[in-house]
Amino acid sequence: MKHVKRIFCVALAAFLGFACIVRADAKDDAKARRRARRAQIEQMVEKGEAAEGGNGYLEAKASVSADKQALVKAENSDRKIGYEAIAKETGMALADVQRQAAAAIRRIRASKK
């Protein structure tokens, strides 16, 4: 019985280690995708085609093209990956991470004006 328990513990540790690596990869991949589309997002915000919401996510205006809507959706999906990772790493509530991110984004955008 001890042998089975030991094997189970080793298998569980291996699985959790793999899950952490996958999560880190997802966070890094999301960060890279956000960096790649940053200029497009900045341009949309400057043109008034999108705006930052109070919840840390980008909001596209209803009049923008389907391509730009998809860009906003992809950006928000990647932001969510980052916010969830930060919440898990820090023990903060996801909503608190999102609010803090929204405030930081507003400060950065205001400083560029």
C-alpha atoms as a PDB file:
ATOM      1  CA  MET A   1       0.000   0.000   0.000  1.00  0.00           C
ATOM      2  CA  LYS A   2       2.844   2.399   0.803  1.00  0.00           C
ATOM      3  CA  HIS A   3       4.323   1.702  -2.619  1.00  0.00           C
ATOM      4  CA  VAL A   4       1.066   2.658  -4.366  1.00  0.00           C
ATOM      5  CA  LYS A   5       0.797   5.806  -2.267  1.00  0.00           C
ATOM      6  CA  ARG A   6       4.366   6.773  -3.126  1.00  0.00           C
ATOM      7  CA  ILE A   7       3.765   6.218  -6.860  1.00  0.00           C
ATOM      8  CA  PHE A   8       0.588   8.292  -6.665  1.00  0.00           C
ATOM      9  CA  CYS A   9       2.431  11.150  -4.931  1.00  0.00           C
ATOM     10  CA  VAL A  10       5.207  11.122  -7.532  1.00  0.00           C
ATOM     11  CA  ALA A  11       2.683  11.071 -10.371  1.00  0.00           C
ATOM     12  CA  LEU A  12       0.722  13.932  -8.805  1.00  0.00           C
ATOM     13  CA  ALA A  13       3.879  16.006  -8.328  1.00  0.00           C
ATOM     14  CA  ALA A  14       4.871  15.396 -11.957  1.00  0.00           C
ATOM     15  CA  PHE A  15       1.419  16.430 -13.160  1.00  0.00           C
ATOM     16  CA  LEU A  16       1.397  19.603 -11.059  1.00  0.00           C
ATOM     17  CA  GLY A  17       4.887  20.492 -12.274  1.00  0.00           C
ATOM     18  CA  PHE A  18       3.765  20.020 -15.865  1.00  0.00           C
ATOM     19  CA  ALA A  19       0.647  22.132 -15.253  1.00  0.00           C
ATOM     20  CA  CYS A  20       2.806  24.964 -13.858  1.00  0.00           C
ATOM     21  CA  ILE A  21       5.073  24.843 -16.907  1.00  0.00           C
ATOM     22  CA  VAL A  22       2.083  24.912 -19.260  1.00  0.00           C
ATOM     23  CA  ARG A  23       0.573  27.854 -17.358  1.00  0.00           C
ATOM     24  CA  ALA A  24       3.885  29.754 -17.520  1.00  0.00           C
ATOM     25  CA  ASP A  25       4.120  29.046 -21.241  1.00  0.00           C
ATOM     26  CA  ALA A  26       0.556  30.288 -21.755  1.00  0.00           C
ATOM     27  CA  LYS A  27       1.354  33.496 -19.856  1.00  0.00           C
ATOM     28  CA  ASP A  28       4.553  34.060 -21.845  1.00  0.00           C
ATOM     29  CA  ASP A  29       2.779  33.332 -25.132  1.00  0.00           C
ATOM     30  CA  ALA A  30      -0.027  35.758 -24.245  1.00  0.00           C
ATOM     31  CA  LYS A  31       2.550  38.413 -23.365  1.00  0.00           C
ATOM     32  CA  ALA A  32       4.295  37.937 -26.721  1.00  0.00           C
ATOM     33  CA  ARG A  33       1.016  38.158 -28.634  1.00  0.00           C
ATOM     34  CA  ARG A  34       0.096  41.359 -26.768  1.00  0.00           C
ATOM     35  CA  ARG A  35       3.485  42.858 -27.568  1.00  0.00           C
ATOM     36  CA  ALA A  36       3.042  41.971 -31.260  1.00  0.00           C
ATOM     37  CA  ARG A  37      -0.323  43.738 -31.511  1.00  0.00           C
ATOM     38  CA  ARG A  38       0.507  46.703 -29.256  1.00  0.00           C
ATOM     39  CA  ALA A  39       0.885  49.225 -32.108  1.00  0.00           C
ATOM     40  CA  GLN A  40      -2.472  48.233 -33.596  1.00  0.00           C
ATOM     41  CA  ILE A  41      -4.207  48.558 -30.232  1.00  0.00           C
ATOM     42  CA  GLU A  42      -2.592  51.933 -29.541  1.00  0.00           C
ATOM     43  CA  GLN A  43      -3.714  53.143 -32.959  1.00  0.00           C
ATOM     44  CA  MET A  44      -7.301  52.002 -32.357  1.00  0.00           C
ATOM     45  CA  VAL A  45      -7.402  53.808 -28.996  1.00  0.00           C
ATOM     46  CA  GLU A  46      -5.916  56.992 -30.467  1.00  0.00           C
ATOM     47  CA  LYS A  47      -8.518  56.968 -33.272  1.00  0.00           C
ATOM     48  CA  GLY A  48     -11.337  56.423 -30.779  1.00  0.00           C
ATOM     49  CA  GLU A  49     -12.192  53.011 -32.209  1.00  0.00           C
ATOM     50  CA  ALA A  50     -11.655  51.391 -28.806  1.00  0.00           C
ATOM     51  CA  ALA A  51     -11.388  52.514 -25.208  1.00  0.00           C
ATOM     52  CA  GLU A  52     -10.143  51.062 -21.956  1.00  0.00           C
ATOM     53  CA  GLY A  53     -12.890  49.845 -19.669  1.00  0.00           C
ATOM     54  CA  GLY A  54     -12.793  50.142 -15.905  1.00  0.00           C
ATOM     55  CA  ASN A  55     -12.366  46.389 -15.634  1.00  0.00           C
ATOM     56  CA  GLY A  56      -8.966  46.147 -17.333  1.00  0.00           C
ATOM     57  CA  TYR A  57     -10.325  45.124 -20.717  1.00  0.00           C
ATOM     58  CA  LEU A  58     -10.488  46.931 -24.024  1.00  0.00           C
ATOM     59  CA  GLU A  59     -13.908  47.878 -25.393  1.00  0.00           C
ATOM     60  CA  ALA A  60     -14.339  48.243 -29.150  1.00  0.00           C
ATOM     61  CA  LYS A  61     -16.816  50.745 -30.519  1.00  0.00           C
ATOM     62  CA  ALA A  62     -19.775  49.128 -32.256  1.00  0.00           C
ATOM     63  CA  SER A  63     -18.891  50.746 -35.588  1.00  0.00           C
ATOM     64  CA  VAL A  64     -15.464  49.092 -36.037  1.00  0.00           C
ATOM     65  CA  SER A  65     -14.842  46.346 -38.571  1.00  0.00           C
ATOM     66  CA  ALA A  66     -15.029  42.655 -37.771  1.00  0.00           C
ATOM     67  CA  ASP A  67     -11.227  42.430 -38.036  1.00  0.00           C
ATOM     68  CA  LYS A  68     -10.793  45.106 -35.377  1.00  0.00           C
ATOM     69  CA  GLN A  69     -13.449  43.477 -33.195  1.00  0.00           C
ATOM     70  CA  ALA A  70     -11.455  40.230 -33.449  1.00  0.00           C
ATOM     71  CA  LEU A  71      -8.275  42.102 -32.524  1.00  0.00           C
ATOM     72  CA  VAL A  72      -9.941  43.491 -29.383  1.00  0.00           C
ATOM     73  CA  LYS A  73     -11.286  40.047 -28.502  1.00  0.00           C
ATOM     74  CA  ALA A  74      -7.802  38.518 -28.857  1.00  0.00           C
ATOM     75  CA  GLU A  75      -6.272  41.302 -26.757  1.00  0.00           C
ATOM     76  CA  ASN A  76      -8.831  40.800 -24.001  1.00  0.00           C
ATOM     77  CA  SER A  77      -8.337  37.042 -24.061  1.00  0.00           C
ATOM     78  CA  ASP A  78      -4.595  37.487 -23.582  1.00  0.00           C
ATOM     79  CA  ARG A  79      -5.112  40.100 -20.860  1.00  0.00           C
ATOM     80  CA  LYS A  80      -7.335  37.630 -19.025  1.00  0.00           C
ATOM     81  CA  ILE A  81      -4.569  35.001 -19.122  1.00  0.00           C
ATOM     82  CA  GLY A  82      -2.190  37.521 -17.586  1.00  0.00           C
ATOM     83  CA  TYR A  83      -4.660  38.735 -14.969  1.00  0.00           C
ATOM     84  CA  GLU A  84      -5.487  35.169 -13.910  1.00  0.00           C
ATOM     85  CA  ALA A  85      -1.794  34.327 -13.608  1.00  0.00           C
ATOM     86  CA  ILE A  86      -1.139  37.419 -11.480  1.00  0.00           C
ATOM     87  CA  ALA A  87      -4.129  36.633  -9.268  1.00  0.00           C
ATOM     88  CA  LYS A  88      -2.917  33.090  -8.743  1.00  0.00           C
ATOM     89  CA  GLU A  89       0.690  34.166  -8.079  1.00  0.00           C
ATOM     90  CA  THR A  90      -0.252  36.894  -5.597  1.00  0.00           C
ATOM     91  CA  GLY A  91      -3.370  35.409  -4.018  1.00  0.00           C
ATOM     92  CA  MET A  92      -5.346  38.512  -4.975  1.00  0.00           C
ATOM     93  CA  ALA A  93      -8.907  38.322  -6.223  1.00  0.00           C
ATOM     94  CA  LEU A  94      -9.155  38.429 -10.011  1.00  0.00           C
ATOM     95  CA  ALA A  95     -11.444  41.490  -9.851  1.00  0.00           C
ATOM     96  CA  ASP A  96      -8.823  43.363  -7.812  1.00  0.00           C
ATOM     97  CA  VAL A  97      -6.100  42.526 -10.332  1.00  0.00           C
ATOM     98  CA  GLN A  98      -8.347  43.711 -13.153  1.00  0.00           C
ATOM     99  CA  ARG A  99      -9.157  47.004 -11.386  1.00  0.00           C
ATOM    100  CA  GLN A 100      -5.477  47.671 -10.662  1.00  0.00           C
ATOM    101  CA  ALA A 101      -4.571  46.887 -14.259  1.00  0.00           C
ATOM    102  CA  ALA A 102      -7.265  49.263 -15.513  1.00  0.00           C
ATOM    103  CA  ALA A 103      -5.929  52.046 -13.307  1.00  0.00           C
ATOM    104  CA  ALA A 104      -2.356  51.407 -14.466  1.00  0.00           C
ATOM    105  CA  ILE A 105      -3.397  51.410 -18.130  1.00  0.00           C
ATOM    106  CA  ARG A 106      -5.269  54.706 -17.656  1.00  0.00           C
ATOM    107  CA  ARG A 107      -2.184  56.282 -16.022  1.00  0.00           C
ATOM    108  CA  ILE A 108       0.081  55.106 -18.835  1.00  0.00           C
ATOM    109  CA  ARG A 109      -2.277  56.353 -21.541  1.00  0.00           C
ATOM    110  CA  ALA A 110      -2.693  59.711 -19.771  1.00  0.00           C
ATOM    111  CA  SER A 111       1.067  60.174 -19.519  1.00  0.00           C
ATOM    112  CA  LYS A 112       1.421  59.715 -23.289  1.00  0.00           C
ATOM    113  CA  LYS A 113      -0.943  62.595 -24.078  1.00  0.00           C
END
